[in-house]
Structure formats: C-alpha cells, structure tokens
Protein backbone atom coordinates (compact mmCIF):
# COMPACT_ATOMS: atom_id res chain seq x y z
CA MET A 1 28.99 -19.84 152.06
CA PRO A 2 31.78 -18.38 154.66
CA ASP A 3 34.89 -20.00 155.06
CA MET A 4 35.43 -22.37 157.85
CA THR A 5 37.99 -24.65 159.12
CA LEU A 6 38.18 -27.27 161.68
CA ILE A 7 40.23 -27.10 164.16
CA VAL A 8 40.53 -30.36 167.34
CA LEU A 9 42.61 -31.70 169.27
CA LEU A 10 43.56 -35.84 168.44
CA ILE A 11 45.74 -37.89 170.48
CA LEU A 12 47.95 -40.85 168.26
CA THR A 13 48.94 -43.89 169.98
CA ALA A 14 50.36 -46.99 167.76
CA THR A 15 52.17 -50.18 169.44
CA GLY A 16 52.96 -53.35 167.23
CA ASN A 17 52.84 -55.95 164.64
CA PRO A 18 50.27 -55.82 162.92
CA ILE A 19 50.45 -51.36 163.85
CA GLY A 20 46.93 -50.86 166.10
CA LEU A 21 46.44 -47.31 165.95
CA SER A 22 44.31 -45.48 168.75
CA TRP A 23 42.52 -41.56 169.31
CA ASP A 24 40.32 -40.31 171.48
CA ALA A 25 37.77 -38.32 169.78
CA PRO A 26 37.32 -35.07 169.83
CA THR A 27 33.23 -33.26 170.98
CA THR A 28 34.67 -30.31 170.58
CA ASN A 29 36.94 -28.02 168.23
CA ILE A 30 39.83 -25.81 170.07
CA ASP A 31 37.84 -23.45 170.47
CA GLY A 32 35.77 -24.93 172.88
CA SER A 33 32.69 -24.44 169.88
CA PRO A 34 30.82 -28.24 170.16
CA ILE A 35 31.24 -30.30 167.35
CA VAL A 36 28.23 -31.06 165.74
CA GLU A 37 28.49 -33.90 162.85
CA PRO A 38 29.87 -37.63 162.93
CA LEU A 39 33.60 -37.96 163.18
CA THR A 40 35.67 -39.10 160.24
CA TYR A 41 38.78 -39.87 160.66
CA ASN A 42 41.99 -40.29 158.03
CA VAL A 43 45.24 -41.46 158.64
CA TYR A 44 48.25 -41.91 157.02
CA ARG A 45 51.46 -42.69 156.52
CA SER A 46 55.28 -42.46 155.99
CA ARG A 47 57.89 -45.94 155.70
CA ASN A 48 61.14 -45.83 156.14
CA GLY A 49 61.03 -41.21 156.22
CA SER A 50 58.44 -41.36 153.01
CA PRO A 51 55.17 -39.16 152.02
CA TYR A 52 52.94 -39.10 154.10
CA ARG A 53 50.55 -40.91 151.56
CA LEU A 54 46.79 -42.08 152.73
CA THR A 55 46.72 -45.43 153.98
CA LYS A 56 43.39 -45.69 155.73
CA HIS A 57 39.90 -44.10 156.31
CA ALA A 58 38.82 -44.63 159.47
CA GLY A 59 34.51 -44.40 160.19
CA ILE A 60 32.52 -42.08 162.06
CA SER A 61 33.07 -42.78 165.27
CA ALA A 62 36.52 -44.91 165.13
CA THR A 63 38.11 -44.02 168.16
CA LYS A 64 41.10 -47.31 166.18
CA ALA A 65 43.08 -47.59 162.52
CA SER A 66 44.27 -51.14 162.02
CA ILE A 67 47.69 -51.69 160.13
CA THR A 68 48.18 -54.88 158.10
CA GLU A 69 49.59 -54.13 154.74
CA ASN A 70 53.53 -53.91 154.23
CA VAL A 71 54.03 -54.19 157.76
CA VAL A 72 57.76 -55.58 157.70
CA SER A 73 59.45 -56.20 160.67
CA GLY A 74 62.20 -53.32 161.42
CA GLU A 75 61.33 -51.12 159.00
CA LEU A 76 60.29 -47.36 161.01
CA ASN A 77 56.37 -46.31 160.58
CA CYS A 78 55.07 -42.48 161.18
CA PHE A 79 51.12 -41.21 161.41
CA GLU A 80 49.52 -38.58 161.14
CA ILE A 81 45.67 -38.45 161.33
CA ALA A 82 43.25 -35.70 160.25
CA ALA A 83 39.61 -35.56 161.87
CA ILE A 84 37.15 -34.60 158.99
CA GLU A 85 33.11 -33.75 159.86
CA SER A 86 30.82 -31.65 156.92
CA GLY A 87 33.56 -32.20 154.71
CA ILE A 88 35.69 -29.72 156.21
CA SER A 89 39.11 -31.84 157.30
CA SER A 90 40.89 -30.80 160.34
CA SER A 91 45.15 -29.99 159.86
CA LEU A 92 47.05 -33.36 160.67
CA THR A 93 48.71 -35.13 163.78
CA LEU A 94 51.68 -34.68 164.83
CA PRO A 95 53.32 -37.14 163.50
CA VAL A 96 53.46 -41.15 166.38
CA CYS A 97 56.24 -43.22 165.02
CA ILE A 98 56.86 -46.33 165.16
CA THR A 99 59.55 -49.51 164.49
CA VAL A 100 58.11 -52.22 163.83
CA PRO A 101 59.19 -55.54 165.95
C-alpha cells in the first residue's frame, strides 16, 4: 500500500462563550484532486498556552463545533483542526485563538 498524505485547506474561526468554531468543508485536496470519502474532523485545544489536546471529534460533513467544557471568562483558548479522510489525517490548521468574554 503506498504512503498517502491528505492535504486540505481549512479556514477556522472562533467566537463567544460557549466557544463556537466553524470552518468551510473542503471539496478538493490542495493538489486539486477531489476528496472522495466523507470527511470528519478532530478539534485540538490549548488553554492559556498549555499543550494542544484532542478536544472533540466532529462527525461526517460537520462544519461547526461548540466547546462548552471548561470555558473560563478571560482565558485564552487556541484551536487547530485536522480533517480525516479514510483514516488519514490532514496537517493541522494554523491556530485560531480567542480570549473568552
């Protein structure tokens, strides 16, 4: 079986309390080839500079996630997501950070 890498472009935004995350689901890989399997997403979170940890697994075709656990006013939260296709993970997005209101 050949080595495969999933490379997609994901643009992530974060808002409010609870923290709402949203992204546009990609339809093609970065090389222009079509995404053929439904994507799922892993959401990673860092609180106040702590290491990133898997926070949520978003289901097939999801484009939103709500973070309600351990949301503390004034705390900096940063998020990265990865798309998963056929068990292969994309690289992580650039981090998006929000200080909880």
